[in-house]
Amino acid sequence: MEEKIISSAAQVIIAITPIVGIAIGGVVVFFSLLWHHLEVRRQILSGTYKREKFNLKAYSLLIGLLLTGIGFMLTVVFALLGGISISLLGGLIPFSIGICAIIFYRVNDWE
């Protein structure tokens, strides 16, 4: 077998790529939060600020459904690939959190 040797320049580029991606992502998030802060501040000064209500019930249903679906599919895939093993926790943990969020949605009858 013939092994392919990666040049040192390529290794440096491969090592730097995730670091640069995380740094640029951090800068984008920072300026997004700064923009939102300045916008809310201007609205407060002009007297047009209206606080948004957070709908916890809809949020818990959405998160519950997403985590249940993702957790169920991961559990099925891990069970088919590796059988019953510790890797099933990768699917069972989000599955159980999703079920708990749906139970939270059903138990709390507000509004």
PDB file of N, CA and C in Angstrom:
ATOM      1  N   MET A   1       0.820  -1.184   0.000  1.00  0.00           N
ATOM      2  CA  MET A   1       0.000   0.000   0.000  1.00  0.00           C
ATOM      3  C   MET A   1       0.862   1.246   0.000  1.00  0.00           C
ATOM      4  N   GLU A   2       0.366   2.207  -0.699  1.00  0.00           N
ATOM      5  CA  GLU A   2       1.095   3.457  -0.805  1.00  0.00           C
ATOM      6  C   GLU A   2       0.420   4.509   0.053  1.00  0.00           C
ATOM      7  N   GLU A   3       1.140   5.089   0.991  1.00  0.00           N
ATOM      8  CA  GLU A   3       0.592   6.115   1.865  1.00  0.00           C
ATOM      9  C   GLU A   3       0.807   7.491   1.237  1.00  0.00           C
ATOM     10  N   LYS A   4      -0.217   8.309   1.328  1.00  0.00           N
ATOM     11  CA  LYS A   4      -0.114   9.671   0.825  1.00  0.00           C
ATOM     12  C   LYS A   4       0.323  10.565   1.965  1.00  0.00           C
ATOM     13  N   ILE A   5       1.337  11.341   1.733  1.00  0.00           N
ATOM     14  CA  ILE A   5       1.856  12.255   2.746  1.00  0.00           C
ATOM     15  C   ILE A   5       1.308  13.646   2.462  1.00  0.00           C
ATOM     16  N   ILE A   6       0.703  14.240   3.497  1.00  0.00           N
ATOM     17  CA  ILE A   6       0.156  15.586   3.367  1.00  0.00           C
ATOM     18  C   ILE A   6       1.267  16.573   3.689  1.00  0.00           C
ATOM     19  N   SER A   7       1.397  17.594   2.853  1.00  0.00           N
ATOM     20  CA  SER A   7       2.443  18.577   3.076  1.00  0.00           C
ATOM     21  C   SER A   7       2.185  19.343   4.369  1.00  0.00           C
ATOM     22  N   SER A   8       3.244  19.952   4.882  1.00  0.00           N
ATOM     23  CA  SER A   8       3.123  20.685   6.147  1.00  0.00           C
ATOM     24  C   SER A   8       2.224  21.910   5.992  1.00  0.00           C
ATOM     25  N   ALA A   9       2.206  22.525   4.817  1.00  0.00           N
ATOM     26  CA  ALA A   9       1.326  23.678   4.599  1.00  0.00           C
ATOM     27  C   ALA A   9      -0.139  23.252   4.666  1.00  0.00           C
ATOM     28  N   ALA A  10      -0.453  22.107   4.096  1.00  0.00           N
ATOM     29  CA  ALA A  10      -1.827  21.607   4.137  1.00  0.00           C
ATOM     30  C   ALA A  10      -2.232  21.259   5.563  1.00  0.00           C
ATOM     31  N   GLN A  11      -1.305  20.723   6.340  1.00  0.00           N
ATOM     32  CA  GLN A  11      -1.610  20.392   7.727  1.00  0.00           C
ATOM     33  C   GLN A  11      -1.899  21.655   8.549  1.00  0.00           C
ATOM     34  N   VAL A  12      -1.156  22.718   8.277  1.00  0.00           N
ATOM     35  CA  VAL A  12      -1.381  23.976   8.977  1.00  0.00           C
ATOM     36  C   VAL A  12      -2.751  24.544   8.607  1.00  0.00           C
ATOM     37  N   ILE A  13      -3.094  24.491   7.336  1.00  0.00           N
ATOM     38  CA  ILE A  13      -4.392  25.011   6.878  1.00  0.00           C
ATOM     39  C   ILE A  13      -5.529  24.202   7.504  1.00  0.00           C
ATOM     40  N   ILE A  14      -5.376  22.890   7.554  1.00  0.00           N
ATOM     41  CA  ILE A  14      -6.407  22.043   8.155  1.00  0.00           C
ATOM     42  C   ILE A  14      -6.544  22.333   9.647  1.00  0.00           C
ATOM     43  N   ALA A  15      -5.445  22.622  10.325  1.00  0.00           N
ATOM     44  CA  ALA A  15      -5.488  22.907  11.754  1.00  0.00           C
ATOM     45  C   ALA A  15      -6.068  24.286  12.047  1.00  0.00           C
ATOM     46  N   ILE A  16      -5.853  25.249  11.175  1.00  0.00           N
ATOM     47  CA  ILE A  16      -6.297  26.622  11.415  1.00  0.00           C
ATOM     48  C   ILE A  16      -7.759  26.842  11.030  1.00  0.00           C
ATOM     49  N   THR A  17      -8.274  26.051  10.105  1.00  0.00           N
ATOM     50  CA  THR A  17      -9.635  26.264   9.603  1.00  0.00           C
ATOM     51  C   THR A  17     -10.693  26.292  10.708  1.00  0.00           C
ATOM     52  N   PRO A  18     -10.756  25.320  11.642  1.00  0.00           N
ATOM     53  CA  PRO A  18     -11.788  25.420  12.687  1.00  0.00           C
ATOM     54  C   PRO A  18     -11.585  26.611  13.615  1.00  0.00           C
ATOM     55  N   ILE A  19     -10.354  26.980  13.875  1.00  0.00           N
ATOM     56  CA  ILE A  19     -10.078  28.117  14.749  1.00  0.00           C
ATOM     57  C   ILE A  19     -10.595  29.400  14.114  1.00  0.00           C
ATOM     58  N   VAL A  20     -10.335  29.577  12.839  1.00  0.00           N
ATOM     59  CA  VAL A  20     -10.797  30.769  12.126  1.00  0.00           C
ATOM     60  C   VAL A  20     -12.321  30.777  12.059  1.00  0.00           C
ATOM     61  N   GLY A  21     -12.919  29.618  11.816  1.00  0.00           N
ATOM     62  CA  GLY A  21     -14.384  29.537  11.761  1.00  0.00           C
ATOM     63  C   GLY A  21     -15.025  29.926  13.077  1.00  0.00           C
ATOM     64  N   ILE A  22     -14.469  29.447  14.175  1.00  0.00           N
ATOM     65  CA  ILE A  22     -15.009  29.789  15.489  1.00  0.00           C
ATOM     66  C   ILE A  22     -14.811  31.273  15.780  1.00  0.00           C
ATOM     67  N   ALA A  23     -13.659  31.814  15.416  1.00  0.00           N
ATOM     68  CA  ALA A  23     -13.391  33.243  15.655  1.00  0.00           C
ATOM     69  C   ALA A  23     -14.355  34.113  14.849  1.00  0.00           C
ATOM     70  N   ILE A  24     -14.553  33.788  13.588  1.00  0.00           N
ATOM     71  CA  ILE A  24     -15.469  34.581  12.760  1.00  0.00           C
ATOM     72  C   ILE A  24     -16.900  34.434  13.265  1.00  0.00           C
ATOM     73  N   GLY A  25     -17.284  33.236  13.675  1.00  0.00           N
ATOM     74  CA  GLY A  25     -18.618  33.037  14.243  1.00  0.00           C
ATOM     75  C   GLY A  25     -18.812  33.863  15.499  1.00  0.00           C
ATOM     76  N   GLY A  26     -17.785  33.930  16.343  1.00  0.00           N
ATOM     77  CA  GLY A  26     -17.867  34.746  17.546  1.00  0.00           C
ATOM     78  C   GLY A  26     -18.020  36.219  17.236  1.00  0.00           C
ATOM     79  N   VAL A  27     -17.306  36.698  16.227  1.00  0.00           N
ATOM     80  CA  VAL A  27     -17.418  38.105  15.832  1.00  0.00           C
ATOM     81  C   VAL A  27     -18.818  38.398  15.306  1.00  0.00           C
ATOM     82  N   VAL A  28     -19.379  37.492  14.504  1.00  0.00           N
ATOM     83  CA  VAL A  28     -20.731  37.684  13.964  1.00  0.00           C
ATOM     84  C   VAL A  28     -21.758  37.727  15.093  1.00  0.00           C
ATOM     85  N   VAL A  29     -21.639  36.818  16.052  1.00  0.00           N
ATOM     86  CA  VAL A  29     -22.575  36.806  17.181  1.00  0.00           C
ATOM     87  C   VAL A  29     -22.430  38.080  18.001  1.00  0.00           C
ATOM     88  N   PHE A  30     -21.202  38.528  18.247  1.00  0.00           N
ATOM     89  CA  PHE A  30     -20.977  39.749  19.016  1.00  0.00           C
ATOM     90  C   PHE A  30     -21.650  40.943  18.355  1.00  0.00           C
ATOM     91  N   PHE A  31     -21.424  41.132  17.053  1.00  0.00           N
ATOM     92  CA  PHE A  31     -22.005  42.287  16.381  1.00  0.00           C
ATOM     93  C   PHE A  31     -23.515  42.176  16.239  1.00  0.00           C
ATOM     94  N   SER A  32     -24.029  40.965  16.158  1.00  0.00           N
ATOM     95  CA  SER A  32     -25.480  40.786  16.136  1.00  0.00           C
ATOM     96  C   SER A  32     -26.095  41.209  17.464  1.00  0.00           C
ATOM     97  N   LEU A  33     -25.484  40.792  18.577  1.00  0.00           N
ATOM     98  CA  LEU A  33     -25.978  41.205  19.893  1.00  0.00           C
ATOM     99  C   LEU A  33     -25.823  42.709  20.101  1.00  0.00           C
ATOM    100  N   LEU A  34     -24.710  43.283  19.632  1.00  0.00           N
ATOM    101  CA  LEU A  34     -24.503  44.725  19.749  1.00  0.00           C
ATOM    102  C   LEU A  34     -25.559  45.493  18.956  1.00  0.00           C
ATOM    103  N   TRP A  35     -25.849  45.034  17.746  1.00  0.00           N
ATOM    104  CA  TRP A  35     -26.854  45.680  16.895  1.00  0.00           C
ATOM    105  C   TRP A  35     -28.217  45.655  17.587  1.00  0.00           C
ATOM    106  N   HIS A  36     -28.589  44.496  18.147  1.00  0.00           N
ATOM    107  CA  HIS A  36     -29.878  44.377  18.830  1.00  0.00           C
ATOM    108  C   HIS A  36     -29.927  45.299  20.054  1.00  0.00           C
ATOM    109  N   HIS A  37     -28.832  45.360  20.807  1.00  0.00           N
ATOM    110  CA  HIS A  37     -28.783  46.225  21.984  1.00  0.00           C
ATOM    111  C   HIS A  37     -28.969  47.689  21.593  1.00  0.00           C
ATOM    112  N   LEU A  38     -28.270  48.121  20.562  1.00  0.00           N
ATOM    113  CA  LEU A  38     -28.379  49.521  20.145  1.00  0.00           C
ATOM    114  C   LEU A  38     -29.777  49.833  19.618  1.00  0.00           C
ATOM    115  N   GLU A  39     -30.384  48.878  18.923  1.00  0.00           N
ATOM    116  CA  GLU A  39     -31.739  49.084  18.408  1.00  0.00           C
ATOM    117  C   GLU A  39     -32.752  49.223  19.549  1.00  0.00           C
ATOM    118  N   VAL A  40     -32.647  48.357  20.548  1.00  0.00           N
ATOM    119  CA  VAL A  40     -33.562  48.428  21.694  1.00  0.00           C
ATOM    120  C   VAL A  40     -33.325  49.718  22.469  1.00  0.00           C
ATOM    121  N   ARG A  41     -32.082  50.117  22.601  1.00  0.00           N
ATOM    122  CA  ARG A  41     -31.761  51.350  23.322  1.00  0.00           C
ATOM    123  C   ARG A  41     -32.378  52.567  22.636  1.00  0.00           C
ATOM    124  N   ARG A  42     -32.288  52.603  21.300  1.00  0.00           N
ATOM    125  CA  ARG A  42     -32.900  53.719  20.563  1.00  0.00           C
ATOM    126  C   ARG A  42     -34.418  53.711  20.709  1.00  0.00           C
ATOM    127  N   GLN A  43     -35.016  52.535  20.708  1.00  0.00           N
ATOM    128  CA  GLN A  43     -36.468  52.445  20.880  1.00  0.00           C
ATOM    129  C   GLN A  43     -36.885  52.908  22.270  1.00  0.00           C
ATOM    130  N   ILE A  44     -36.111  52.571  23.288  1.00  0.00           N
ATOM    131  CA  ILE A  44     -36.429  53.015  24.649  1.00  0.00           C
ATOM    132  C   ILE A  44     -36.335  54.533  24.743  1.00  0.00           C
ATOM    133  N   LEU A  45     -35.296  55.106  24.146  1.00  0.00           N
ATOM    134  CA  LEU A  45     -35.122  56.564  24.201  1.00  0.00           C
ATOM    135  C   LEU A  45     -36.236  57.296  23.459  1.00  0.00           C
ATOM    136  N   SER A  46     -36.721  56.706  22.367  1.00  0.00           N
ATOM    137  CA  SER A  46     -37.779  57.370  21.608  1.00  0.00           C
ATOM    138  C   SER A  46     -39.169  57.042  22.140  1.00  0.00           C
ATOM    139  N   GLY A  47     -39.260  56.083  23.082  1.00  0.00           N
ATOM    140  CA  GLY A  47     -40.545  55.744  23.674  1.00  0.00           C
ATOM    141  C   GLY A  47     -41.370  54.773  22.854  1.00  0.00           C
ATOM    142  N   THR A  48     -40.780  54.097  21.893  1.00  0.00           N
ATOM    143  CA  THR A  48     -41.524  53.156  21.047  1.00  0.00           C
ATOM    144  C   THR A  48     -41.212  51.701  21.363  1.00  0.00           C
ATOM    145  N   TYR A  49     -40.522  51.466  22.464  1.00  0.00           N
ATOM    146  CA  TYR A  49     -40.129  50.094  22.798  1.00  0.00           C
ATOM    147  C   TYR A  49     -41.318  49.315  23.339  1.00  0.00           C
ATOM    148  N   LYS A  50     -41.525  48.132  22.806  1.00  0.00           N
ATOM    149  CA  LYS A  50     -42.581  47.247  23.263  1.00  0.00           C
ATOM    150  C   LYS A  50     -41.946  45.890  23.544  1.00  0.00           C
ATOM    151  N   ARG A  51     -41.986  45.475  24.797  1.00  0.00           N
ATOM    152  CA  ARG A  51     -41.341  44.229  25.199  1.00  0.00           C
ATOM    153  C   ARG A  51     -42.076  43.034  24.593  1.00  0.00           C
ATOM    154  N   GLU A  52     -41.296  42.104  24.015  1.00  0.00           N
ATOM    155  CA  GLU A  52     -41.878  40.917  23.413  1.00  0.00           C
ATOM    156  C   GLU A  52     -42.123  39.866  24.486  1.00  0.00           C
ATOM    157  N   LYS A  53     -43.265  39.183  24.402  1.00  0.00           N
ATOM    158  CA  LYS A  53     -43.571  38.117  25.348  1.00  0.00           C
ATOM    159  C   LYS A  53     -42.972  36.816  24.827  1.00  0.00           C
ATOM    160  N   PHE A  54     -42.428  36.028  25.744  1.00  0.00           N
ATOM    161  CA  PHE A  54     -41.855  34.730  25.402  1.00  0.00           C
ATOM    162  C   PHE A  54     -42.900  33.658  25.666  1.00  0.00           C
ATOM    163  N   ASN A  55     -43.236  32.878  24.642  1.00  0.00           N
ATOM    164  CA  ASN A  55     -44.242  31.839  24.763  1.00  0.00           C
ATOM    165  C   ASN A  55     -43.563  30.534  25.179  1.00  0.00           C
ATOM    166  N   LEU A  56     -43.511  30.290  26.489  1.00  0.00           N
ATOM    167  CA  LEU A  56     -42.840  29.112  27.014  1.00  0.00           C
ATOM    168  C   LEU A  56     -43.541  27.826  26.612  1.00  0.00           C
ATOM    169  N   LYS A  57     -44.856  27.864  26.491  1.00  0.00           N
ATOM    170  CA  LYS A  57     -45.611  26.667  26.137  1.00  0.00           C
ATOM    171  C   LYS A  57     -45.269  26.216  24.713  1.00  0.00           C
ATOM    172  N   ALA A  58     -45.267  27.121  23.767  1.00  0.00           N
ATOM    173  CA  ALA A  58     -44.931  26.764  22.393  1.00  0.00           C
ATOM    174  C   ALA A  58     -43.472  26.345  22.282  1.00  0.00           C
ATOM    175  N   TYR A  59     -42.602  27.007  23.027  1.00  0.00           N
ATOM    176  CA  TYR A  59     -41.178  26.669  23.004  1.00  0.00           C
ATOM    177  C   TYR A  59     -40.936  25.265  23.549  1.00  0.00           C
ATOM    178  N   SER A  60     -41.604  24.913  24.648  1.00  0.00           N
ATOM    179  CA  SER A  60     -41.409  23.579  25.223  1.00  0.00           C
ATOM    180  C   SER A  60     -41.943  22.500  24.280  1.00  0.00           C
ATOM    181  N   LEU A  61     -43.045  22.784  23.576  1.00  0.00           N
ATOM    182  CA  LEU A  61     -43.560  21.814  22.607  1.00  0.00           C
ATOM    183  C   LEU A  61     -42.591  21.647  21.442  1.00  0.00           C
ATOM    184  N   LEU A  62     -42.080  22.751  20.920  1.00  0.00           N
ATOM    185  CA  LEU A  62     -41.137  22.684  19.800  1.00  0.00           C
ATOM    186  C   LEU A  62     -39.876  21.922  20.179  1.00  0.00           C
ATOM    187  N   ILE A  63     -39.270  22.279  21.297  1.00  0.00           N
ATOM    188  CA  ILE A  63     -38.050  21.605  21.744  1.00  0.00           C
ATOM    189  C   ILE A  63     -38.327  20.136  22.035  1.00  0.00           C
ATOM    190  N   GLY A  64     -39.472  19.844  22.643  1.00  0.00           N
ATOM    191  CA  GLY A  64     -39.820  18.463  22.940  1.00  0.00           C
ATOM    192  C   GLY A  64     -39.959  17.624  21.691  1.00  0.00           C
ATOM    193  N   LEU A  65     -40.643  18.149  20.691  1.00  0.00           N
ATOM    194  CA  LEU A  65     -40.817  17.398  19.446  1.00  0.00           C
ATOM    195  C   LEU A  65     -39.494  17.208  18.708  1.00  0.00           C
ATOM    196  N   LEU A  66     -38.687  18.264  18.650  1.00  0.00           N
ATOM    197  CA  LEU A  66     -37.396  18.154  17.964  1.00  0.00           C
ATOM    198  C   LEU A  66     -36.474  17.158  18.654  1.00  0.00           C
ATOM    199  N   LEU A  67     -36.339  17.268  19.959  1.00  0.00           N
ATOM    200  CA  LEU A  67     -35.441  16.364  20.681  1.00  0.00           C
ATOM    201  C   LEU A  67     -35.950  14.927  20.673  1.00  0.00           C
ATOM    202  N   THR A  68     -37.254  14.731  20.744  1.00  0.00           N
ATOM    203  CA  THR A  68     -37.798  13.381  20.693  1.00  0.00           C
ATOM    204  C   THR A  68     -37.521  12.747  19.338  1.00  0.00           C
ATOM    205  N   GLY A  69     -37.748  13.489  18.274  1.00  0.00           N
ATOM    206  CA  GLY A  69     -37.487  12.963  16.936  1.00  0.00           C
ATOM    207  C   GLY A  69     -36.020  12.659  16.698  1.00  0.00           C
ATOM    208  N   ILE A  70     -35.171  13.595  17.055  1.00  0.00           N
ATOM    209  CA  ILE A  70     -33.730  13.392  16.870  1.00  0.00           C
ATOM    210  C   ILE A  70     -33.231  12.249  17.738  1.00  0.00           C
ATOM    211  N   GLY A  71     -33.665  12.223  18.994  1.00  0.00           N
ATOM    212  CA  GLY A  71     -33.234  11.167  19.907  1.00  0.00           C
ATOM    213  C   GLY A  71     -33.707   9.796  19.464  1.00  0.00           C
ATOM    214  N   PHE A  72     -34.934   9.712  18.971  1.00  0.00           N
ATOM    215  CA  PHE A  72     -35.453   8.420  18.501  1.00  0.00           C
ATOM    216  C   PHE A  72     -34.656   7.916  17.300  1.00  0.00           C
ATOM    217  N   MET A  73     -34.400   8.808  16.357  1.00  0.00           N
ATOM    218  CA  MET A  73     -33.649   8.383  15.164  1.00  0.00           C
ATOM    219  C   MET A  73     -32.212   8.001  15.514  1.00  0.00           C
ATOM    220  N   LEU A  74     -31.567   8.750  16.392  1.00  0.00           N
ATOM    221  CA  LEU A  74     -30.206   8.395  16.807  1.00  0.00           C
ATOM    222  C   LEU A  74     -30.187   7.057  17.542  1.00  0.00           C
ATOM    223  N   THR A  75     -31.188   6.812  18.370  1.00  0.00           N
ATOM    224  CA  THR A  75     -31.262   5.538  19.086  1.00  0.00           C
ATOM    225  C   THR A  75     -31.412   4.384  18.110  1.00  0.00           C
ATOM    226  N   VAL A  76     -32.265   4.544  17.122  1.00  0.00           N
ATOM    227  CA  VAL A  76     -32.462   3.490  16.120  1.00  0.00           C
ATOM    228  C   VAL A  76     -31.177   3.237  15.334  1.00  0.00           C
ATOM    229  N   VAL A  77     -30.525   4.307  14.892  1.00  0.00           N
ATOM    230  CA  VAL A  77     -29.294   4.156  14.108  1.00  0.00           C
ATOM    231  C   VAL A  77     -28.196   3.508  14.945  1.00  0.00           C
ATOM    232  N   PHE A  78     -28.012   3.971  16.180  1.00  0.00           N
ATOM    233  CA  PHE A  78     -26.974   3.391  17.034  1.00  0.00           C
ATOM    234  C   PHE A  78     -27.287   1.948  17.390  1.00  0.00           C
ATOM    235  N   ALA A  79     -28.563   1.604  17.558  1.00  0.00           N
ATOM    236  CA  ALA A  79     -28.933   0.216  17.859  1.00  0.00           C
ATOM    237  C   ALA A  79     -28.665  -0.684  16.658  1.00  0.00           C
ATOM    238  N   LEU A  80     -28.926  -0.170  15.458  1.00  0.00           N
ATOM    239  CA  LEU A  80     -28.680  -0.978  14.260  1.00  0.00           C
ATOM    240  C   LEU A  80     -27.192  -1.130  13.976  1.00  0.00           C
ATOM    241  N   LEU A  81     -26.419  -0.096  14.211  1.00  0.00           N
ATOM    242  CA  LEU A  81     -24.990  -0.158  13.904  1.00  0.00           C
ATOM    243  C   LEU A  81     -24.176  -0.870  14.972  1.00  0.00           C
ATOM    244  N   GLY A  82     -24.485  -0.621  16.243  1.00  0.00           N
ATOM    245  CA  GLY A  82     -23.638  -1.158  17.301  1.00  0.00           C
ATOM    246  C   GLY A  82     -24.324  -2.103  18.258  1.00  0.00           C
ATOM    247  N   GLY A  83     -25.610  -2.353  18.063  1.00  0.00           N
ATOM    248  CA  GLY A  83     -26.322  -3.198  19.004  1.00  0.00           C
ATOM    249  C   GLY A  83     -26.553  -2.473  20.312  1.00  0.00           C
ATOM    250  N   ILE A  84     -26.889  -3.254  21.338  1.00  0.00           N
ATOM    251  CA  ILE A  84     -27.118  -2.676  22.661  1.00  0.00           C
ATOM    252  C   ILE A  84     -25.765  -2.412  23.307  1.00  0.00           C
ATOM    253  N   SER A  85     -25.404  -1.125  23.380  1.00  0.00           N
ATOM    254  CA  SER A  85     -24.117  -0.757  23.970  1.00  0.00           C
ATOM    255  C   SER A  85     -24.238   0.646  24.565  1.00  0.00           C
ATOM    256  N   ILE A  86     -23.135   1.136  25.063  1.00  0.00           N
ATOM    257  CA  ILE A  86     -23.104   2.456  25.694  1.00  0.00           C
ATOM    258  C   ILE A  86     -23.373   3.571  24.672  1.00  0.00           C
ATOM    259  N   SER A  87     -23.165   3.299  23.384  1.00  0.00           N
ATOM    260  CA  SER A  87     -23.391   4.319  22.361  1.00  0.00           C
ATOM    261  C   SER A  87     -24.862   4.687  22.234  1.00  0.00           C
ATOM    262  N   LEU A  88     -25.749   3.849  22.737  1.00  0.00           N
ATOM    263  CA  LEU A  88     -27.175   4.174  22.691  1.00  0.00           C
ATOM    264  C   LEU A  88     -27.506   5.415  23.502  1.00  0.00           C
ATOM    265  N   LEU A  89     -26.669   5.759  24.486  1.00  0.00           N
ATOM    266  CA  LEU A  89     -26.929   6.961  25.281  1.00  0.00           C
ATOM    267  C   LEU A  89     -26.929   8.219  24.421  1.00  0.00           C
ATOM    268  N   GLY A  90     -26.199   8.192  23.315  1.00  0.00           N
ATOM    269  CA  GLY A  90     -26.182   9.333  22.404  1.00  0.00           C
ATOM    270  C   GLY A  90     -27.547   9.625  21.817  1.00  0.00           C
ATOM    271  N   GLY A  91     -28.415   8.633  21.762  1.00  0.00           N
ATOM    272  CA  GLY A  91     -29.771   8.845  21.283  1.00  0.00           C
ATOM    273  C   GLY A  91     -30.797   8.862  22.395  1.00  0.00           C
ATOM    274  N   LEU A  92     -30.547   8.089  23.456  1.00  0.00           N
ATOM    275  CA  LEU A  92     -31.526   8.007  24.538  1.00  0.00           C
ATOM    276  C   LEU A  92     -31.593   9.280  25.374  1.00  0.00           C
ATOM    277  N   ILE A  93     -30.476   9.986  25.516  1.00  0.00           N
ATOM    278  CA  ILE A  93     -30.476  11.210  26.326  1.00  0.00           C
ATOM    279  C   ILE A  93     -31.339  12.301  25.679  1.00  0.00           C
ATOM    280  N   PRO A  94     -31.142  12.656  24.384  1.00  0.00           N
ATOM    281  CA  PRO A  94     -32.045  13.664  23.810  1.00  0.00           C
ATOM    282  C   PRO A  94     -33.488  13.166  23.707  1.00  0.00           C
ATOM    283  N   PHE A  95     -33.671  11.858  23.519  1.00  0.00           N
ATOM    284  CA  PHE A  95     -35.022  11.294  23.453  1.00  0.00           C
ATOM    285  C   PHE A  95     -35.748  11.497  24.783  1.00  0.00           C
ATOM    286  N   SER A  96     -35.076  11.209  25.884  1.00  0.00           N
ATOM    287  CA  SER A  96     -35.725  11.353  27.191  1.00  0.00           C
ATOM    288  C   SER A  96     -35.945  12.824  27.548  1.00  0.00           C
ATOM    289  N   ILE A  97     -35.034  13.704  27.170  1.00  0.00           N
ATOM    290  CA  ILE A  97     -35.232  15.135  27.417  1.00  0.00           C
ATOM    291  C   ILE A  97     -36.421  15.645  26.606  1.00  0.00           C
ATOM    292  N   GLY A  98     -36.553  15.168  25.374  1.00  0.00           N
ATOM    293  CA  GLY A  98     -37.697  15.556  24.546  1.00  0.00           C
ATOM    294  C   GLY A  98     -39.010  15.083  25.125  1.00  0.00           C
ATOM    295  N   ILE A  99     -39.043  13.846  25.615  1.00  0.00           N
ATOM    296  CA  ILE A  99     -40.256  13.334  26.245  1.00  0.00           C
ATOM    297  C   ILE A  99     -40.606  14.174  27.472  1.00  0.00           C
ATOM    298  N   CYS A 100     -39.601  14.538  28.271  1.00  0.00           N
ATOM    299  CA  CYS A 100     -39.842  15.371  29.456  1.00  0.00           C
ATOM    300  C   CYS A 100     -40.376  16.747  29.069  1.00  0.00           C
ATOM    301  N   ALA A 101     -39.880  17.329  27.978  1.00  0.00           N
ATOM    302  CA  ALA A 101     -40.377  18.639  27.540  1.00  0.00           C
ATOM    303  C   ALA A 101     -41.827  18.543  27.066  1.00  0.00           C
ATOM    304  N   ILE A 102     -42.182  17.447  26.403  1.00  0.00           N
ATOM    305  CA  ILE A 102     -43.568  17.264  25.977  1.00  0.00           C
ATOM    306  C   ILE A 102     -44.473  17.049  27.188  1.00  0.00           C
ATOM    307  N   ILE A 103     -43.993  16.305  28.180  1.00  0.00           N
ATOM    308  CA  ILE A 103     -44.765  16.129  29.419  1.00  0.00           C
ATOM    309  C   ILE A 103     -44.956  17.479  30.106  1.00  0.00           C
ATOM    310  N   PHE A 104     -43.914  18.314  30.130  1.00  0.00           N
ATOM    311  CA  PHE A 104     -44.024  19.661  30.700  1.00  0.00           C
ATOM    312  C   PHE A 104     -45.085  20.466  29.962  1.00  0.00           C
ATOM    313  N   TYR A 105     -45.121  20.339  28.643  1.00  0.00           N
ATOM    314  CA  TYR A 105     -46.121  21.035  27.831  1.00  0.00           C
ATOM    315  C   TYR A 105     -47.530  20.583  28.197  1.00  0.00           C
ATOM    316  N   ARG A 106     -47.712  19.278  28.392  1.00  0.00           N
ATOM    317  CA  ARG A 106     -49.047  18.726  28.684  1.00  0.00           C
ATOM    318  C   ARG A 106     -49.492  19.019  30.116  1.00  0.00           C
ATOM    319  N   VAL A 107     -48.556  19.018  31.066  1.00  0.00           N
ATOM    320  CA  VAL A 107     -48.925  19.190  32.471  1.00  0.00           C
ATOM    321  C   VAL A 107     -49.322  20.630  32.773  1.00  0.00           C
ATOM    322  N   ASN A 108     -48.619  21.577  32.207  1.00  0.00           N
ATOM    323  CA  ASN A 108     -48.892  22.987  32.489  1.00  0.00           C
ATOM    324  C   ASN A 108     -50.020  23.475  31.585  1.00  0.00           C
ATOM    325  N   ASP A 109     -51.163  23.717  32.191  1.00  0.00           N
ATOM    326  CA  ASP A 109     -52.315  24.209  31.442  1.00  0.00           C
ATOM    327  C   ASP A 109     -52.553  25.680  31.761  1.00  0.00           C
ATOM    328  N   TRP A 110     -51.716  26.524  31.228  1.00  0.00           N
ATOM    329  CA  TRP A 110     -51.922  27.946  31.402  1.00  0.00           C
ATOM    330  C   TRP A 110     -52.402  28.519  30.084  1.00  0.00           C
ATOM    331  N   GLU A 111     -52.898  29.695  30.122  1.00  0.00           N
ATOM    332  CA  GLU A 111     -53.454  30.456  28.997  1.00  0.00           C
ATOM    333  C   GLU A 111     -54.831  30.033  28.676  1.00  0.00           C
TER     334      GLU A 111
END
